[in-house]
Amino acid sequence: MNPLSPEEKRIVTVLYYAHKPLSTKAIAERSEMAWQTAKKYLERLYGKKLLRRGKYGKSIYWWLRV
């Protein structure tokens, strides 16, 4: 498996310390990156089977796969 990029590591860290699912917007804010950038890396992490996701209303929530 490919090593994680610095951006992916930031997102994983944010989710680890949140202890709950977070929306794409919340992850972008907490990891200090643009929403579009966060979404791109969240999709990559999901593709690497490191995250789970679920939809609530119009928002997509993400959490670490354990």
N, C-alpha and C. Protein backbone atom coordinates (compact mmCIF):
# COMPACT_ATOMS: atom_id res chain seq x y z
N MET A 1 0.84 -1.19 0.00
CA MET A 1 0.00 0.00 0.00
C MET A 1 0.88 1.25 0.00
N ASN A 2 0.44 2.26 -0.71
CA ASN A 2 1.20 3.51 -0.78
C ASN A 2 1.22 4.21 0.57
N PRO A 3 2.34 4.86 0.90
CA PRO A 3 2.36 5.64 2.14
C PRO A 3 1.40 6.83 2.03
N LEU A 4 0.96 7.31 3.16
CA LEU A 4 0.03 8.44 3.17
C LEU A 4 0.75 9.75 2.89
N SER A 5 0.08 10.62 2.15
CA SER A 5 0.62 11.97 1.90
C SER A 5 0.46 12.79 3.18
N PRO A 6 1.16 13.92 3.28
CA PRO A 6 0.99 14.78 4.47
C PRO A 6 -0.47 15.21 4.67
N GLU A 7 -1.17 15.48 3.58
CA GLU A 7 -2.58 15.90 3.68
C GLU A 7 -3.44 14.76 4.21
N GLU A 8 -3.18 13.56 3.74
CA GLU A 8 -3.94 12.40 4.22
C GLU A 8 -3.67 12.16 5.70
N LYS A 9 -2.43 12.33 6.11
CA LYS A 9 -2.08 12.16 7.53
C LYS A 9 -2.80 13.18 8.40
N ARG A 10 -2.90 14.43 7.90
CA ARG A 10 -3.62 15.47 8.66
C ARG A 10 -5.08 15.09 8.84
N ILE A 11 -5.70 14.58 7.79
CA ILE A 11 -7.11 14.19 7.87
C ILE A 11 -7.30 13.02 8.83
N VAL A 12 -6.44 12.02 8.75
CA VAL A 12 -6.54 10.87 9.65
C VAL A 12 -6.38 11.33 11.09
N THR A 13 -5.45 12.23 11.35
CA THR A 13 -5.24 12.75 12.70
C THR A 13 -6.47 13.49 13.20
N VAL A 14 -7.06 14.33 12.36
CA VAL A 14 -8.27 15.06 12.73
C VAL A 14 -9.39 14.08 13.11
N LEU A 15 -9.58 13.07 12.30
CA LEU A 15 -10.64 12.09 12.58
C LEU A 15 -10.33 11.26 13.82
N TYR A 16 -9.08 10.93 14.03
CA TYR A 16 -8.70 10.15 15.20
C TYR A 16 -9.04 10.90 16.49
N TYR A 17 -8.69 12.18 16.53
CA TYR A 17 -8.92 12.95 17.75
C TYR A 17 -10.36 13.44 17.90
N ALA A 18 -11.15 13.39 16.84
CA ALA A 18 -12.55 13.82 16.92
C ALA A 18 -13.40 12.80 17.69
N HIS A 19 -13.06 11.53 17.61
CA HIS A 19 -13.81 10.46 18.28
C HIS A 19 -15.26 10.38 17.84
N LYS A 20 -15.57 10.91 16.66
CA LYS A 20 -16.93 10.84 16.12
C LYS A 20 -16.88 11.13 14.63
N PRO A 21 -17.90 10.75 13.89
CA PRO A 21 -17.92 11.08 12.46
C PRO A 21 -17.98 12.60 12.26
N LEU A 22 -17.29 13.07 11.23
CA LEU A 22 -17.28 14.50 10.92
C LEU A 22 -17.69 14.71 9.46
N SER A 23 -18.31 15.86 9.21
CA SER A 23 -18.67 16.21 7.84
C SER A 23 -17.43 16.64 7.07
N THR A 24 -17.55 16.63 5.75
CA THR A 24 -16.45 17.07 4.90
C THR A 24 -16.04 18.49 5.28
N LYS A 25 -17.02 19.36 5.51
CA LYS A 25 -16.75 20.76 5.87
C LYS A 25 -15.97 20.85 7.19
N ALA A 26 -16.41 20.09 8.20
CA ALA A 26 -15.73 20.12 9.50
C ALA A 26 -14.29 19.61 9.38
N ILE A 27 -14.10 18.57 8.59
CA ILE A 27 -12.74 18.03 8.40
C ILE A 27 -11.87 19.06 7.69
N ALA A 28 -12.41 19.72 6.68
CA ALA A 28 -11.66 20.75 5.95
C ALA A 28 -11.24 21.87 6.90
N GLU A 29 -12.18 22.32 7.74
CA GLU A 29 -11.86 23.40 8.67
C GLU A 29 -10.81 22.98 9.68
N ARG A 30 -10.98 21.81 10.27
CA ARG A 30 -10.04 21.34 11.30
C ARG A 30 -8.66 21.01 10.74
N SER A 31 -8.60 20.61 9.49
CA SER A 31 -7.29 20.28 8.90
C SER A 31 -6.71 21.47 8.12
N GLU A 32 -7.42 22.60 8.16
CA GLU A 32 -6.97 23.85 7.54
C GLU A 32 -6.66 23.68 6.06
N MET A 33 -7.65 23.14 5.34
CA MET A 33 -7.52 23.03 3.89
C MET A 33 -8.86 23.38 3.26
N ALA A 34 -8.83 23.70 1.99
CA ALA A 34 -10.05 24.03 1.26
C ALA A 34 -10.97 22.80 1.22
N TRP A 35 -12.28 23.05 1.14
CA TRP A 35 -13.26 21.97 1.11
C TRP A 35 -12.97 20.99 -0.03
N GLN A 36 -12.68 21.54 -1.22
CA GLN A 36 -12.43 20.68 -2.38
C GLN A 36 -11.20 19.80 -2.17
N THR A 37 -10.17 20.37 -1.56
CA THR A 37 -8.94 19.62 -1.29
C THR A 37 -9.23 18.51 -0.29
N ALA A 38 -9.95 18.84 0.77
CA ALA A 38 -10.29 17.82 1.77
C ALA A 38 -11.09 16.70 1.14
N LYS A 39 -12.05 17.04 0.30
CA LYS A 39 -12.90 16.03 -0.36
C LYS A 39 -12.04 15.09 -1.21
N LYS A 40 -11.09 15.66 -1.93
CA LYS A 40 -10.20 14.85 -2.78
C LYS A 40 -9.44 13.81 -1.94
N TYR A 41 -8.87 14.26 -0.83
CA TYR A 41 -8.08 13.35 0.00
C TYR A 41 -8.97 12.39 0.78
N LEU A 42 -10.17 12.82 1.16
CA LEU A 42 -11.11 11.90 1.81
C LEU A 42 -11.50 10.77 0.88
N GLU A 43 -11.73 11.11 -0.39
CA GLU A 43 -12.06 10.08 -1.38
C GLU A 43 -10.89 9.11 -1.56
N ARG A 44 -9.68 9.62 -1.56
CA ARG A 44 -8.49 8.76 -1.69
C ARG A 44 -8.38 7.81 -0.50
N LEU A 45 -8.57 8.36 0.72
CA LEU A 45 -8.50 7.54 1.92
C LEU A 45 -9.60 6.49 1.93
N TYR A 46 -10.78 6.86 1.44
CA TYR A 46 -11.89 5.91 1.33
C TYR A 46 -11.52 4.80 0.34
N GLY A 47 -10.90 5.17 -0.76
CA GLY A 47 -10.46 4.19 -1.74
C GLY A 47 -9.40 3.24 -1.20
N LYS A 48 -8.59 3.74 -0.26
CA LYS A 48 -7.57 2.90 0.38
C LYS A 48 -8.16 2.08 1.52
N LYS A 49 -9.47 2.14 1.70
CA LYS A 49 -10.19 1.39 2.73
C LYS A 49 -9.80 1.81 4.15
N LEU A 50 -9.42 3.09 4.33
CA LEU A 50 -9.08 3.57 5.66
C LEU A 50 -10.25 4.29 6.32
N LEU A 51 -11.23 4.71 5.53
CA LEU A 51 -12.38 5.45 6.06
C LEU A 51 -13.69 4.78 5.69
N ARG A 52 -14.70 5.11 6.49
CA ARG A 52 -16.08 4.78 6.16
C ARG A 52 -16.80 6.11 5.95
N ARG A 53 -17.94 6.05 5.26
CA ARG A 53 -18.69 7.29 5.05
C ARG A 53 -20.18 6.98 5.06
N GLY A 54 -20.93 8.00 5.42
CA GLY A 54 -22.38 7.88 5.43
C GLY A 54 -22.98 9.24 5.16
N LYS A 55 -24.18 9.24 4.59
CA LYS A 55 -24.83 10.50 4.25
C LYS A 55 -25.91 10.81 5.28
N TYR A 56 -25.94 12.05 5.72
CA TYR A 56 -26.96 12.51 6.63
C TYR A 56 -27.45 13.85 6.10
N GLY A 57 -28.67 13.88 5.61
CA GLY A 57 -29.15 15.10 4.94
C GLY A 57 -28.34 15.30 3.68
N LYS A 58 -27.83 16.50 3.51
CA LYS A 58 -27.01 16.80 2.33
C LYS A 58 -25.52 16.59 2.58
N SER A 59 -25.15 16.32 3.82
CA SER A 59 -23.74 16.20 4.19
C SER A 59 -23.27 14.75 4.16
N ILE A 60 -22.00 14.59 3.83
CA ILE A 60 -21.36 13.28 3.92
C ILE A 60 -20.49 13.30 5.18
N TYR A 61 -20.65 12.28 6.01
CA TYR A 61 -19.86 12.17 7.23
C TYR A 61 -18.86 11.04 7.05
N TRP A 62 -17.69 11.25 7.63
CA TRP A 62 -16.56 10.34 7.49
C TRP A 62 -16.06 9.91 8.86
N TRP A 63 -15.61 8.67 8.97
CA TRP A 63 -14.99 8.20 10.22
C TRP A 63 -13.97 7.12 9.86
N LEU A 64 -13.08 6.89 10.82
CA LEU A 64 -12.01 5.92 10.59
C LEU A 64 -12.57 4.51 10.64
N ARG A 65 -12.06 3.67 9.77
CA ARG A 65 -12.41 2.25 9.75
C ARG A 65 -11.58 1.59 10.84
N VAL A 66 -12.22 0.85 11.74
CA VAL A 66 -11.47 0.18 12.81
C VAL A 66 -11.60 -1.32 12.75
